[in-house]
């Protein structure tokens, strides 16, 4: 199963880097701000990251997501459509693009994006929630209140799936990082420990 959003792994990596290496960047700071619900601040930080590197895909995706969270639906669609052309199989892009279209009452576009999202095989409970939303879209005209409630329910399901995935990933990584060493987790500094960036994580050797 695939997580709907890259947030858990990205935020975990950002926290490791910021805490242990002291090398915060606008993008990593934006991830932490977004995770803490400070979406306006995160938006500014992602824009700063894109000013430095306009083609940075992860910043484009995350800016689209926080714009959606802020209710800036046109801005969210602009960013997420840019991301979709480069990463058509990224579940988080399809999901939040669907949500933005759904909230704008552009139901055919929302239907298309949600159908593609389900085909990417996300978490089964999240997929089931998405399928219920698709059925709702196809069944009858939807007032704003109903669309807002359905969108919020789908967001909540996505966040729950992400939290479960993040917990499993951290539990798995904990033994990989520190299991071989007779030190508490997280370990205190010890002679001969060197840090290196491998596979998206700051690892200790």
N, C-alpha and C. Protein backbone atom coordinates (compact mmCIF):
# COMPACT_ATOMS: atom_id res chain seq x y z
N UNK A 1 0.84 -1.20 0.00
CA UNK A 1 0.00 0.00 0.00
C UNK A 1 0.88 1.25 0.00
N UNK A 2 0.39 2.28 -0.68
CA UNK A 2 1.15 3.51 -0.73
C UNK A 2 0.46 4.56 0.11
N UNK A 3 1.25 5.33 0.80
CA UNK A 3 0.72 6.45 1.55
C UNK A 3 0.21 7.50 0.59
N UNK A 4 -0.80 8.26 1.03
CA UNK A 4 -1.36 9.30 0.16
C UNK A 4 -0.50 10.53 0.10
N UNK A 5 0.35 10.70 1.04
CA UNK A 5 1.12 11.94 1.11
C UNK A 5 2.55 11.66 1.49
N UNK A 6 3.49 12.48 0.98
CA UNK A 6 4.88 12.31 1.36
C UNK A 6 5.24 12.96 2.68
N UNK A 7 4.29 13.58 3.37
CA UNK A 7 4.61 14.32 4.58
C UNK A 7 5.34 13.52 5.64
N UNK A 8 4.89 12.33 6.05
CA UNK A 8 5.53 11.68 7.21
C UNK A 8 7.02 11.47 7.02
N UNK A 9 7.42 10.88 5.91
CA UNK A 9 8.84 10.62 5.69
C UNK A 9 9.61 11.92 5.52
N UNK A 10 9.03 12.88 4.82
CA UNK A 10 9.72 14.15 4.61
C UNK A 10 9.90 14.90 5.92
N UNK A 11 8.86 14.95 6.73
CA UNK A 11 8.96 15.66 8.01
C UNK A 11 9.95 14.96 8.93
N UNK A 12 9.89 13.63 8.98
CA UNK A 12 10.84 12.91 9.82
C UNK A 12 12.27 13.19 9.40
N UNK A 13 12.52 13.18 8.09
CA UNK A 13 13.86 13.47 7.59
C UNK A 13 14.26 14.90 7.92
N UNK A 14 13.31 15.84 7.76
CA UNK A 14 13.61 17.24 8.05
C UNK A 14 13.96 17.43 9.52
N UNK A 15 13.21 16.78 10.41
CA UNK A 15 13.48 16.91 11.83
C UNK A 15 14.83 16.33 12.19
N UNK A 16 15.18 15.20 11.58
CA UNK A 16 16.50 14.62 11.84
C UNK A 16 17.59 15.59 11.43
N UNK A 17 17.46 16.17 10.24
CA UNK A 17 18.48 17.08 9.75
C UNK A 17 18.57 18.32 10.60
N UNK A 18 17.41 18.93 10.91
CA UNK A 18 17.41 20.17 11.68
C UNK A 18 17.97 19.94 13.09
N UNK A 19 17.54 18.84 13.71
CA UNK A 19 17.93 18.58 15.10
C UNK A 19 19.37 18.13 15.23
N UNK A 20 19.80 17.21 14.36
CA UNK A 20 21.10 16.58 14.54
C UNK A 20 22.20 17.26 13.75
N UNK A 21 21.84 17.86 12.61
CA UNK A 21 22.88 18.44 11.78
C UNK A 21 22.84 19.96 11.76
N UNK A 22 21.75 20.54 12.26
CA UNK A 22 21.67 21.98 12.32
C UNK A 22 21.69 22.65 10.97
N UNK A 23 21.15 21.98 9.94
CA UNK A 23 21.23 22.55 8.59
C UNK A 23 19.83 22.77 8.03
N UNK A 24 19.02 23.56 8.73
CA UNK A 24 17.66 23.84 8.28
C UNK A 24 17.68 24.62 6.98
N UNK A 25 16.74 24.31 6.11
CA UNK A 25 16.56 25.02 4.85
C UNK A 25 15.13 25.52 4.81
N UNK A 26 14.81 26.45 3.90
CA UNK A 26 13.41 26.89 3.80
C UNK A 26 12.45 25.71 3.58
N UNK A 27 12.88 24.75 2.76
CA UNK A 27 11.99 23.62 2.49
C UNK A 27 11.78 22.77 3.75
N UNK A 28 12.85 22.41 4.45
CA UNK A 28 12.70 21.59 5.65
C UNK A 28 11.92 22.35 6.74
N UNK A 29 12.15 23.65 6.85
CA UNK A 29 11.38 24.45 7.80
C UNK A 29 9.91 24.50 7.40
N UNK A 30 9.66 24.55 6.09
CA UNK A 30 8.28 24.54 5.61
C UNK A 30 7.57 23.25 5.95
N UNK A 31 8.28 22.12 5.84
CA UNK A 31 7.69 20.83 6.20
C UNK A 31 7.27 20.81 7.67
N UNK A 32 8.15 21.29 8.52
CA UNK A 32 7.85 21.30 9.96
C UNK A 32 6.68 22.25 10.25
N UNK A 33 6.70 23.44 9.64
CA UNK A 33 5.61 24.40 9.85
C UNK A 33 4.28 23.82 9.39
N UNK A 34 4.26 23.18 8.24
CA UNK A 34 3.02 22.59 7.73
C UNK A 34 2.53 21.49 8.65
N UNK A 35 3.46 20.66 9.13
CA UNK A 35 3.08 19.57 10.02
C UNK A 35 2.45 20.11 11.30
N UNK A 36 2.88 21.29 11.73
CA UNK A 36 2.35 21.90 12.94
C UNK A 36 1.12 22.77 12.68
N UNK A 37 0.64 22.78 11.43
CA UNK A 37 -0.57 23.53 11.10
C UNK A 37 -0.33 24.99 10.82
N UNK A 38 0.91 25.41 10.71
CA UNK A 38 1.23 26.81 10.40
C UNK A 38 1.36 26.96 8.88
N UNK A 39 0.21 26.88 8.20
CA UNK A 39 0.21 26.78 6.75
C UNK A 39 0.64 28.06 6.05
N UNK A 40 0.28 29.22 6.59
CA UNK A 40 0.69 30.49 5.97
C UNK A 40 2.22 30.61 6.01
N UNK A 41 2.82 30.26 7.13
CA UNK A 41 4.27 30.30 7.25
C UNK A 41 4.92 29.28 6.31
N UNK A 42 4.32 28.10 6.26
CA UNK A 42 4.85 27.06 5.37
C UNK A 42 4.80 27.51 3.91
N UNK A 43 3.72 28.17 3.53
CA UNK A 43 3.58 28.66 2.16
C UNK A 43 4.71 29.62 1.79
N UNK A 44 5.02 30.54 2.70
CA UNK A 44 6.11 31.49 2.45
C UNK A 44 7.45 30.76 2.31
N UNK A 45 7.67 29.76 3.16
CA UNK A 45 8.93 29.02 3.12
C UNK A 45 9.07 28.21 1.84
N UNK A 46 7.98 27.58 1.40
CA UNK A 46 8.04 26.83 0.14
C UNK A 46 8.27 27.76 -1.05
N UNK A 47 7.65 28.93 -1.00
CA UNK A 47 7.88 29.91 -2.07
C UNK A 47 9.34 30.34 -2.10
N UNK A 48 9.94 30.48 -0.91
CA UNK A 48 11.36 30.81 -0.85
C UNK A 48 12.21 29.68 -1.44
N UNK A 49 11.84 28.45 -1.12
CA UNK A 49 12.57 27.31 -1.69
C UNK A 49 12.46 27.29 -3.21
N UNK A 50 11.28 27.63 -3.73
CA UNK A 50 11.09 27.65 -5.19
C UNK A 50 11.79 28.84 -5.84
N UNK A 51 11.94 29.92 -5.10
CA UNK A 51 12.70 31.05 -5.64
C UNK A 51 14.15 30.66 -5.86
N UNK A 52 14.65 29.79 -4.99
CA UNK A 52 16.03 29.29 -5.14
C UNK A 52 16.14 28.24 -6.24
N UNK A 53 15.09 27.42 -6.35
CA UNK A 53 15.10 26.34 -7.35
C UNK A 53 13.68 26.18 -7.90
N UNK A 54 13.33 26.89 -8.97
CA UNK A 54 11.95 26.90 -9.47
C UNK A 54 11.43 25.55 -9.92
N UNK A 55 12.32 24.61 -10.22
CA UNK A 55 11.89 23.30 -10.71
C UNK A 55 11.85 22.23 -9.63
N UNK A 56 12.02 22.63 -8.39
CA UNK A 56 12.04 21.63 -7.31
C UNK A 56 10.65 21.03 -7.12
N UNK A 57 10.50 19.77 -7.49
CA UNK A 57 9.19 19.14 -7.53
C UNK A 57 8.56 19.00 -6.16
N UNK A 58 9.31 18.57 -5.16
CA UNK A 58 8.70 18.38 -3.84
C UNK A 58 8.19 19.69 -3.26
N UNK A 59 8.88 20.80 -3.54
CA UNK A 59 8.40 22.11 -3.07
C UNK A 59 7.13 22.52 -3.80
N UNK A 60 7.05 22.21 -5.09
CA UNK A 60 5.83 22.51 -5.85
C UNK A 60 4.65 21.74 -5.27
N UNK A 61 4.85 20.45 -4.99
CA UNK A 61 3.78 19.63 -4.42
C UNK A 61 3.34 20.17 -3.07
N UNK A 62 4.31 20.42 -2.19
CA UNK A 62 3.96 20.86 -0.84
C UNK A 62 3.32 22.24 -0.84
N UNK A 63 3.75 23.12 -1.74
CA UNK A 63 3.12 24.43 -1.83
C UNK A 63 1.67 24.28 -2.28
N UNK A 64 1.42 23.38 -3.24
CA UNK A 64 0.05 23.13 -3.65
C UNK A 64 -0.82 22.63 -2.51
N UNK A 65 -0.26 21.74 -1.69
CA UNK A 65 -1.03 21.19 -0.58
C UNK A 65 -1.34 22.26 0.47
N UNK A 66 -0.35 23.07 0.83
CA UNK A 66 -0.64 24.09 1.87
C UNK A 66 -1.56 25.17 1.33
N UNK A 67 -1.48 25.47 0.05
CA UNK A 67 -2.44 26.42 -0.52
C UNK A 67 -3.85 25.85 -0.42
N UNK A 68 -3.99 24.55 -0.65
CA UNK A 68 -5.31 23.94 -0.46
C UNK A 68 -5.74 24.09 1.00
N UNK A 69 -4.85 23.82 1.92
CA UNK A 69 -5.18 23.92 3.34
C UNK A 69 -5.61 25.34 3.72
N UNK A 70 -5.04 26.32 3.02
CA UNK A 70 -5.36 27.72 3.29
C UNK A 70 -6.64 28.17 2.57
N UNK A 71 -7.20 27.30 1.75
CA UNK A 71 -8.40 27.66 1.01
C UNK A 71 -8.13 28.40 -0.28
N UNK A 72 -6.87 28.50 -0.67
CA UNK A 72 -6.50 29.16 -1.93
C UNK A 72 -6.57 28.12 -3.04
N UNK A 73 -7.79 27.79 -3.46
CA UNK A 73 -7.99 26.63 -4.33
C UNK A 73 -7.40 26.83 -5.72
N UNK A 74 -7.52 28.02 -6.29
CA UNK A 74 -6.95 28.25 -7.61
C UNK A 74 -5.43 28.12 -7.57
N UNK A 75 -4.82 28.68 -6.54
CA UNK A 75 -3.37 28.57 -6.39
C UNK A 75 -2.93 27.13 -6.16
N UNK A 76 -3.74 26.38 -5.41
CA UNK A 76 -3.42 24.97 -5.18
C UNK A 76 -3.48 24.19 -6.49
N UNK A 77 -4.52 24.42 -7.27
CA UNK A 77 -4.66 23.72 -8.55
C UNK A 77 -3.51 24.07 -9.49
N UNK A 78 -3.11 25.33 -9.49
CA UNK A 78 -2.00 25.74 -10.35
C UNK A 78 -0.74 24.94 -10.03
N UNK A 79 -0.39 24.84 -8.75
CA UNK A 79 0.81 24.11 -8.35
C UNK A 79 0.67 22.61 -8.59
N UNK A 80 -0.47 22.07 -8.23
CA UNK A 80 -0.64 20.62 -8.32
C UNK A 80 -0.76 20.14 -9.76
N UNK A 81 -1.31 20.97 -10.63
CA UNK A 81 -1.32 20.61 -12.05
C UNK A 81 0.11 20.62 -12.62
N UNK A 82 0.91 21.56 -12.16
CA UNK A 82 2.32 21.56 -12.56
C UNK A 82 3.00 20.27 -12.11
N UNK A 83 2.72 19.88 -10.89
CA UNK A 83 3.32 18.65 -10.36
C UNK A 83 2.80 17.42 -11.08
N UNK A 84 1.51 17.42 -11.44
CA UNK A 84 0.92 16.24 -12.08
C UNK A 84 1.59 15.92 -13.41
N UNK A 85 1.97 16.95 -14.16
CA UNK A 85 2.61 16.69 -15.45
C UNK A 85 3.96 16.01 -15.29
N UNK A 86 4.60 16.22 -14.14
CA UNK A 86 5.92 15.63 -13.89
C UNK A 86 5.86 14.37 -13.06
N UNK A 87 4.83 14.23 -12.25
CA UNK A 87 4.71 13.06 -11.37
C UNK A 87 3.28 12.55 -11.41
N UNK A 88 2.85 12.01 -12.54
CA UNK A 88 1.44 11.60 -12.67
C UNK A 88 1.04 10.45 -11.76
N UNK A 89 1.99 9.70 -11.25
CA UNK A 89 1.68 8.56 -10.38
C UNK A 89 1.89 8.86 -8.90
N UNK A 90 2.05 10.14 -8.54
CA UNK A 90 2.22 10.50 -7.14
C UNK A 90 0.85 10.64 -6.48
N UNK A 91 0.51 9.77 -5.52
CA UNK A 91 -0.84 9.78 -4.92
C UNK A 91 -1.22 11.12 -4.29
N UNK A 92 -0.30 11.76 -3.58
CA UNK A 92 -0.65 13.00 -2.90
C UNK A 92 -1.07 14.09 -3.88
N UNK A 93 -0.43 14.11 -5.05
CA UNK A 93 -0.80 15.10 -6.07
C UNK A 93 -2.22 14.86 -6.54
N UNK A 94 -2.53 13.61 -6.87
CA UNK A 94 -3.87 13.28 -7.35
C UNK A 94 -4.93 13.54 -6.29
N UNK A 95 -4.62 13.19 -5.04
CA UNK A 95 -5.61 13.37 -3.98
C UNK A 95 -5.93 14.83 -3.74
N UNK A 96 -4.91 15.66 -3.56
CA UNK A 96 -5.19 17.06 -3.24
C UNK A 96 -5.67 17.84 -4.45
N UNK A 97 -5.31 17.41 -5.64
CA UNK A 97 -5.88 18.01 -6.84
C UNK A 97 -7.37 17.68 -6.91
N UNK A 98 -7.72 16.44 -6.60
CA UNK A 98 -9.14 16.06 -6.55
C UNK A 98 -9.89 16.88 -5.51
N UNK A 99 -9.30 17.02 -4.34
CA UNK A 99 -9.96 17.78 -3.27
C UNK A 99 -10.17 19.24 -3.66
N UNK A 100 -9.18 19.83 -4.32
CA UNK A 100 -9.31 21.23 -4.73
C UNK A 100 -10.42 21.39 -5.76
N UNK A 101 -10.45 20.51 -6.75
CA UNK A 101 -11.53 20.56 -7.74
C UNK A 101 -12.89 20.30 -7.09
N UNK A 102 -12.92 19.37 -6.14
CA UNK A 102 -14.16 19.03 -5.45
C UNK A 102 -14.71 20.23 -4.70
N UNK A 103 -13.83 20.92 -3.96
CA UNK A 103 -14.27 22.09 -3.21
C UNK A 103 -14.72 23.23 -4.13
N UNK A 104 -14.17 23.28 -5.33
CA UNK A 104 -14.59 24.30 -6.30
C UNK A 104 -15.85 23.90 -7.07
N UNK A 105 -16.37 22.71 -6.77
CA UNK A 105 -17.56 22.17 -7.44
C UNK A 105 -17.30 21.85 -8.91
N UNK A 106 -16.04 21.58 -9.24
CA UNK A 106 -15.70 21.12 -10.59
C UNK A 106 -15.67 19.59 -10.52
N UNK A 107 -16.87 19.02 -10.52
CA UNK A 107 -17.02 17.61 -10.17
C UNK A 107 -16.44 16.64 -11.20
N UNK A 108 -16.56 16.88 -12.51
CA UNK A 108 -15.92 15.94 -13.45
C UNK A 108 -14.40 15.84 -13.25
N UNK A 109 -13.76 16.99 -13.01
CA UNK A 109 -12.31 16.97 -12.77
C UNK A 109 -11.98 16.26 -11.47
N UNK A 110 -12.80 16.50 -10.44
CA UNK A 110 -12.58 15.82 -9.16
C UNK A 110 -12.75 14.31 -9.32
N UNK A 111 -13.77 13.91 -10.04
CA UNK A 111 -14.02 12.49 -10.31
C UNK A 111 -12.82 11.87 -11.00
N UNK A 112 -12.30 12.52 -12.02
CA UNK A 112 -11.16 11.99 -12.77
C UNK A 112 -9.94 11.80 -11.88
N UNK A 113 -9.64 12.79 -11.06
CA UNK A 113 -8.45 12.71 -10.21
C UNK A 113 -8.62 11.66 -9.11
N UNK A 114 -9.80 11.58 -8.52
CA UNK A 114 -10.02 10.57 -7.47
C UNK A 114 -9.99 9.16 -8.04
N UNK A 115 -10.54 8.98 -9.23
CA UNK A 115 -10.51 7.66 -9.86
C UNK A 115 -9.07 7.23 -10.12
N UNK A 116 -8.25 8.16 -10.59
CA UNK A 116 -6.83 7.86 -10.81
C UNK A 116 -6.14 7.56 -9.48
N UNK A 117 -6.49 8.33 -8.44
CA UNK A 117 -5.91 8.12 -7.12
C UNK A 117 -6.19 6.70 -6.63
N UNK A 118 -7.42 6.25 -6.74
CA UNK A 118 -7.78 4.90 -6.29
C UNK A 118 -7.00 3.85 -7.08
N UNK A 119 -6.81 4.10 -8.37
CA UNK A 119 -6.08 3.15 -9.21
C UNK A 119 -4.62 3.02 -8.80
N UNK A 120 -4.09 4.00 -8.07
CA UNK A 120 -2.71 3.95 -7.59
C UNK A 120 -2.55 3.10 -6.33
N UNK A 121 -3.68 2.55 -5.86
CA UNK A 121 -3.68 1.61 -4.73
C UNK A 121 -3.11 2.21 -3.45
N UNK A 122 -3.76 3.25 -2.94
CA UNK A 122 -3.35 3.78 -1.64
C UNK A 122 -3.81 2.85 -0.52
N UNK A 123 -3.64 3.30 0.72
CA UNK A 123 -4.16 2.56 1.88
C UNK A 123 -5.61 2.16 1.63
N UNK A 124 -5.96 0.92 1.98
CA UNK A 124 -7.27 0.39 1.59
C UNK A 124 -8.42 1.17 2.22
N UNK A 125 -8.25 1.64 3.45
CA UNK A 125 -9.32 2.42 4.07
C UNK A 125 -9.47 3.78 3.40
N UNK A 126 -8.35 4.36 3.03
CA UNK A 126 -8.39 5.63 2.32
C UNK A 126 -9.01 5.44 0.93
N UNK A 127 -8.65 4.33 0.28
CA UNK A 127 -9.23 4.04 -1.03
C UNK A 127 -10.75 3.87 -0.93
N UNK A 128 -11.20 3.20 0.13
CA UNK A 128 -12.64 3.02 0.33
C UNK A 128 -13.35 4.35 0.53
N UNK A 129 -12.71 5.26 1.29
CA UNK A 129 -13.29 6.58 1.49
C UNK A 129 -13.34 7.35 0.17
N UNK A 130 -12.29 7.23 -0.62
CA UNK A 130 -12.26 7.89 -1.94
C UNK A 130 -13.36 7.34 -2.84
N UNK A 131 -13.57 6.02 -2.81
CA UNK A 131 -14.62 5.42 -3.63
C UNK A 131 -16.01 5.88 -3.20
N UNK A 132 -16.20 6.07 -1.91
CA UNK A 132 -17.49 6.60 -1.44
C UNK A 132 -17.69 8.03 -1.93
N UNK A 133 -16.62 8.80 -1.95
CA UNK A 133 -16.71 10.18 -2.44
C UNK A 133 -17.01 10.19 -3.93
N UNK A 134 -16.38 9.30 -4.69
CA UNK A 134 -16.67 9.20 -6.13
C UNK A 134 -18.14 8.87 -6.35
N UNK A 135 -18.67 7.91 -5.59
CA UNK A 135 -20.09 7.55 -5.72
C UNK A 135 -20.98 8.74 -5.41
N UNK A 136 -20.61 9.52 -4.40
CA UNK A 136 -21.37 10.71 -4.05
C UNK A 136 -21.36 11.72 -5.19
N UNK A 137 -20.18 11.92 -5.79
CA UNK A 137 -20.05 12.86 -6.90
C UNK A 137 -20.97 12.46 -8.05
N UNK A 138 -21.05 11.17 -8.31
CA UNK A 138 -21.80 10.68 -9.47
C UNK A 138 -23.29 10.53 -9.22
N UNK A 139 -23.71 10.64 -7.97
CA UNK A 139 -25.10 10.33 -7.64
C UNK A 139 -26.04 11.52 -7.73
N UNK A 140 -25.58 12.71 -7.34
CA UNK A 140 -26.51 13.83 -7.26
C UNK A 140 -25.75 15.14 -7.14
N UNK A 141 -26.43 16.28 -7.43
CA UNK A 141 -25.80 17.58 -7.17
C UNK A 141 -25.47 17.72 -5.69
N UNK A 142 -24.33 18.33 -5.41
CA UNK A 142 -23.86 18.41 -4.02
C UNK A 142 -23.79 19.87 -3.57
N UNK A 143 -24.49 20.22 -2.50
CA UNK A 143 -24.34 21.57 -1.95
C UNK A 143 -22.97 21.77 -1.32
N UNK A 144 -22.61 23.00 -1.10
CA UNK A 144 -21.29 23.34 -0.55
C UNK A 144 -21.04 22.65 0.77
N UNK A 145 -22.06 22.61 1.65
CA UNK A 145 -21.87 22.00 2.97
C UNK A 145 -21.52 20.51 2.85
N UNK A 146 -22.18 19.83 1.93
CA UNK A 146 -21.91 18.41 1.74
C UNK A 146 -20.52 18.19 1.16
N UNK A 147 -20.13 19.02 0.21
CA UNK A 147 -18.80 18.89 -0.38
C UNK A 147 -17.72 19.17 0.65
N UNK A 148 -17.94 20.18 1.50
CA UNK A 148 -16.95 20.51 2.53
C UNK A 148 -16.80 19.35 3.51
N UNK A 149 -17.93 18.76 3.91
CA UNK A 149 -17.87 17.64 4.86
C UNK A 149 -17.18 16.43 4.23
N UNK A 150 -17.51 16.12 2.98
CA UNK A 150 -16.90 14.96 2.32
C UNK A 150 -15.41 15.18 2.13
N UNK A 151 -15.00 16.40 1.75
CA UNK A 151 -13.58 16.68 1.58
C UNK A 151 -12.83 16.55 2.89
N UNK A 152 -13.42 17.09 3.98
CA UNK A 152 -12.79 16.99 5.30
C UNK A 152 -12.65 15.54 5.74
N UNK A 153 -13.66 14.72 5.44
CA UNK A 153 -13.60 13.30 5.80
C UNK A 153 -12.48 12.60 5.05
N UNK A 154 -12.33 12.92 3.78
CA UNK A 154 -11.27 12.31 2.98
C UNK A 154 -9.90 12.76 3.45
N UNK A 155 -9.77 14.04 3.79
CA UNK A 155 -8.50 14.54 4.35
C UNK A 155 -8.15 13.82 5.65
N UNK A 156 -9.15 13.65 6.51
CA UNK A 156 -8.90 12.97 7.79
C UNK A 156 -8.45 11.54 7.58
N UNK A 157 -9.07 10.86 6.62
CA UNK A 157 -8.66 9.48 6.32
C UNK A 157 -7.23 9.44 5.80
N UNK A 158 -6.86 10.42 4.98
CA UNK A 158 -5.50 10.48 4.45
C UNK A 158 -4.50 10.74 5.57
N UNK A 159 -4.84 11.64 6.49
CA UNK A 159 -3.93 11.95 7.59
C UNK A 159 -3.74 10.73 8.50
N UNK A 160 -4.82 9.99 8.76
CA UNK A 160 -4.72 8.81 9.59
C UNK A 160 -3.82 7.76 8.93
N UNK A 161 -4.02 7.56 7.62
CA UNK A 161 -3.17 6.60 6.90
C UNK A 161 -1.72 7.01 6.96
N UNK A 162 -1.44 8.32 6.84
CA UNK A 162 -0.08 8.81 6.90
C UNK A 162 0.54 8.58 8.27
N UNK A 163 -0.25 8.82 9.32
CA UNK A 163 0.28 8.63 10.67
C UNK A 163 0.65 7.17 10.91
N UNK A 164 -0.19 6.26 10.45
CA UNK A 164 0.11 4.84 10.60
C UNK A 164 1.37 4.47 9.83
N UNK A 165 1.48 4.94 8.59
CA UNK A 165 2.66 4.66 7.79
C UNK A 165 3.92 5.24 8.43
N UNK A 166 3.81 6.46 8.95
CA UNK A 166 4.97 7.11 9.56
C UNK A 166 5.43 6.34 10.79
N UNK A 167 4.48 5.90 11.61
CA UNK A 167 4.84 5.13 12.81
C UNK A 167 5.54 3.84 12.44
N UNK A 168 5.01 3.13 11.46
CA UNK A 168 5.63 1.89 11.03
C UNK A 168 7.04 2.13 10.49
N UNK A 169 7.20 3.20 9.70
CA UNK A 169 8.50 3.50 9.12
C UNK A 169 9.52 3.82 10.21
N UNK A 170 9.10 4.62 11.21
CA UNK A 170 10.03 5.00 12.27
C UNK A 170 10.40 3.81 13.14
N UNK A 171 9.44 2.93 13.40
CA UNK A 171 9.74 1.72 14.17
C UNK A 171 10.74 0.84 13.43
N UNK A 172 10.56 0.74 12.12
CA UNK A 172 11.46 -0.07 11.31
C UNK A 172 12.86 0.53 11.27
N UNK A 173 12.91 1.85 11.10
CA UNK A 173 14.20 2.53 10.98
C UNK A 173 14.96 2.57 12.30
N UNK A 174 14.23 2.54 13.43
CA UNK A 174 14.90 2.68 14.73
C UNK A 174 15.93 1.57 14.93
N UNK A 175 15.56 0.33 14.63
CA UNK A 175 16.52 -0.75 14.80
C UNK A 175 17.64 -0.64 13.77
N UNK A 176 17.31 -0.20 12.55
CA UNK A 176 18.34 -0.07 11.53
C UNK A 176 19.40 0.94 11.96
N UNK A 177 18.92 2.07 12.53
CA UNK A 177 19.87 3.11 12.93
C UNK A 177 20.69 2.70 14.15
N UNK A 178 19.98 2.27 15.21
CA UNK A 178 20.65 2.21 16.51
C UNK A 178 20.74 0.80 17.10
N UNK A 179 20.06 -0.18 16.54
CA UNK A 179 20.01 -1.51 17.12
C UNK A 179 21.37 -2.13 17.38
N UNK A 180 22.32 -2.02 16.45
CA UNK A 180 23.60 -2.71 16.68
C UNK A 180 24.46 -2.10 17.79
N UNK A 181 24.10 -0.90 18.26
CA UNK A 181 24.95 -0.21 19.22
C UNK A 181 24.37 -0.30 20.62
N UNK A 182 25.20 -0.51 21.64
CA UNK A 182 24.70 -0.61 23.02
C UNK A 182 24.49 0.77 23.63
N UNK A 183 23.70 1.60 22.97
CA UNK A 183 23.43 2.95 23.44
C UNK A 183 21.92 3.15 23.48
N UNK A 184 21.47 4.03 24.36
CA UNK A 184 20.02 4.30 24.42
C UNK A 184 19.55 4.95 23.12
N UNK A 185 18.25 4.88 22.86
CA UNK A 185 17.67 5.50 21.66
C UNK A 185 16.92 6.75 22.07
N UNK A 186 17.21 7.93 21.47
CA UNK A 186 18.33 8.13 20.55
C UNK A 186 19.65 8.13 21.28
N UNK A 187 20.73 7.76 20.64
CA UNK A 187 21.99 7.55 21.35
C UNK A 187 22.67 8.84 21.74
N UNK A 188 23.48 8.75 22.79
CA UNK A 188 24.37 9.86 23.11
C UNK A 188 25.56 9.79 22.16
N UNK A 189 26.26 10.90 21.96
CA UNK A 189 27.44 10.85 21.10
C UNK A 189 28.46 9.85 21.61
N UNK A 190 29.13 9.16 20.72
CA UNK A 190 30.15 8.23 21.14
C UNK A 190 31.29 8.28 20.14
N UNK A 191 32.51 7.94 20.57
CA UNK A 191 33.66 8.07 19.68
C UNK A 191 33.49 7.23 18.42
N UNK A 192 33.92 7.80 17.33
CA UNK A 192 33.92 7.07 16.07
C UNK A 192 32.63 7.15 15.30
N UNK A 193 31.63 7.88 15.81
CA UNK A 193 30.36 7.98 15.09
C UNK A 193 30.47 9.07 14.03
N UNK A 194 30.16 8.69 12.81
CA UNK A 194 30.13 9.67 11.74
C UNK A 194 28.76 9.69 11.11
N UNK A 195 28.33 10.83 10.61
CA UNK A 195 27.02 10.96 10.01
C UNK A 195 27.16 11.13 8.51
N UNK A 196 26.25 10.51 7.76
CA UNK A 196 26.25 10.64 6.31
C UNK A 196 24.82 10.54 5.82
N UNK A 197 24.54 11.24 4.70
CA UNK A 197 23.20 11.24 4.13
C UNK A 197 23.07 10.05 3.19
N UNK A 198 22.17 9.11 3.49
CA UNK A 198 21.96 7.94 2.67
C UNK A 198 20.47 7.66 2.54
N UNK A 199 20.00 7.52 1.30
CA UNK A 199 18.62 7.13 1.06
C UNK A 199 17.60 8.06 1.68
N UNK A 200 17.90 9.35 1.75
CA UNK A 200 16.97 10.31 2.29
C UNK A 200 16.99 10.44 3.80
N UNK A 201 17.93 9.78 4.48
CA UNK A 201 18.01 9.87 5.95
C UNK A 201 19.45 10.21 6.35
N UNK A 202 19.56 10.85 7.50
CA UNK A 202 20.86 11.11 8.09
C UNK A 202 21.22 9.90 8.94
N UNK A 203 22.22 9.15 8.51
CA UNK A 203 22.56 7.90 9.18
C UNK A 203 23.86 8.02 9.97
N UNK A 204 23.96 7.20 11.01
CA UNK A 204 25.14 7.19 11.86
C UNK A 204 25.95 5.95 11.56
N UNK A 205 27.25 6.15 11.36
CA UNK A 205 28.15 5.02 11.06
C UNK A 205 29.30 5.00 12.06
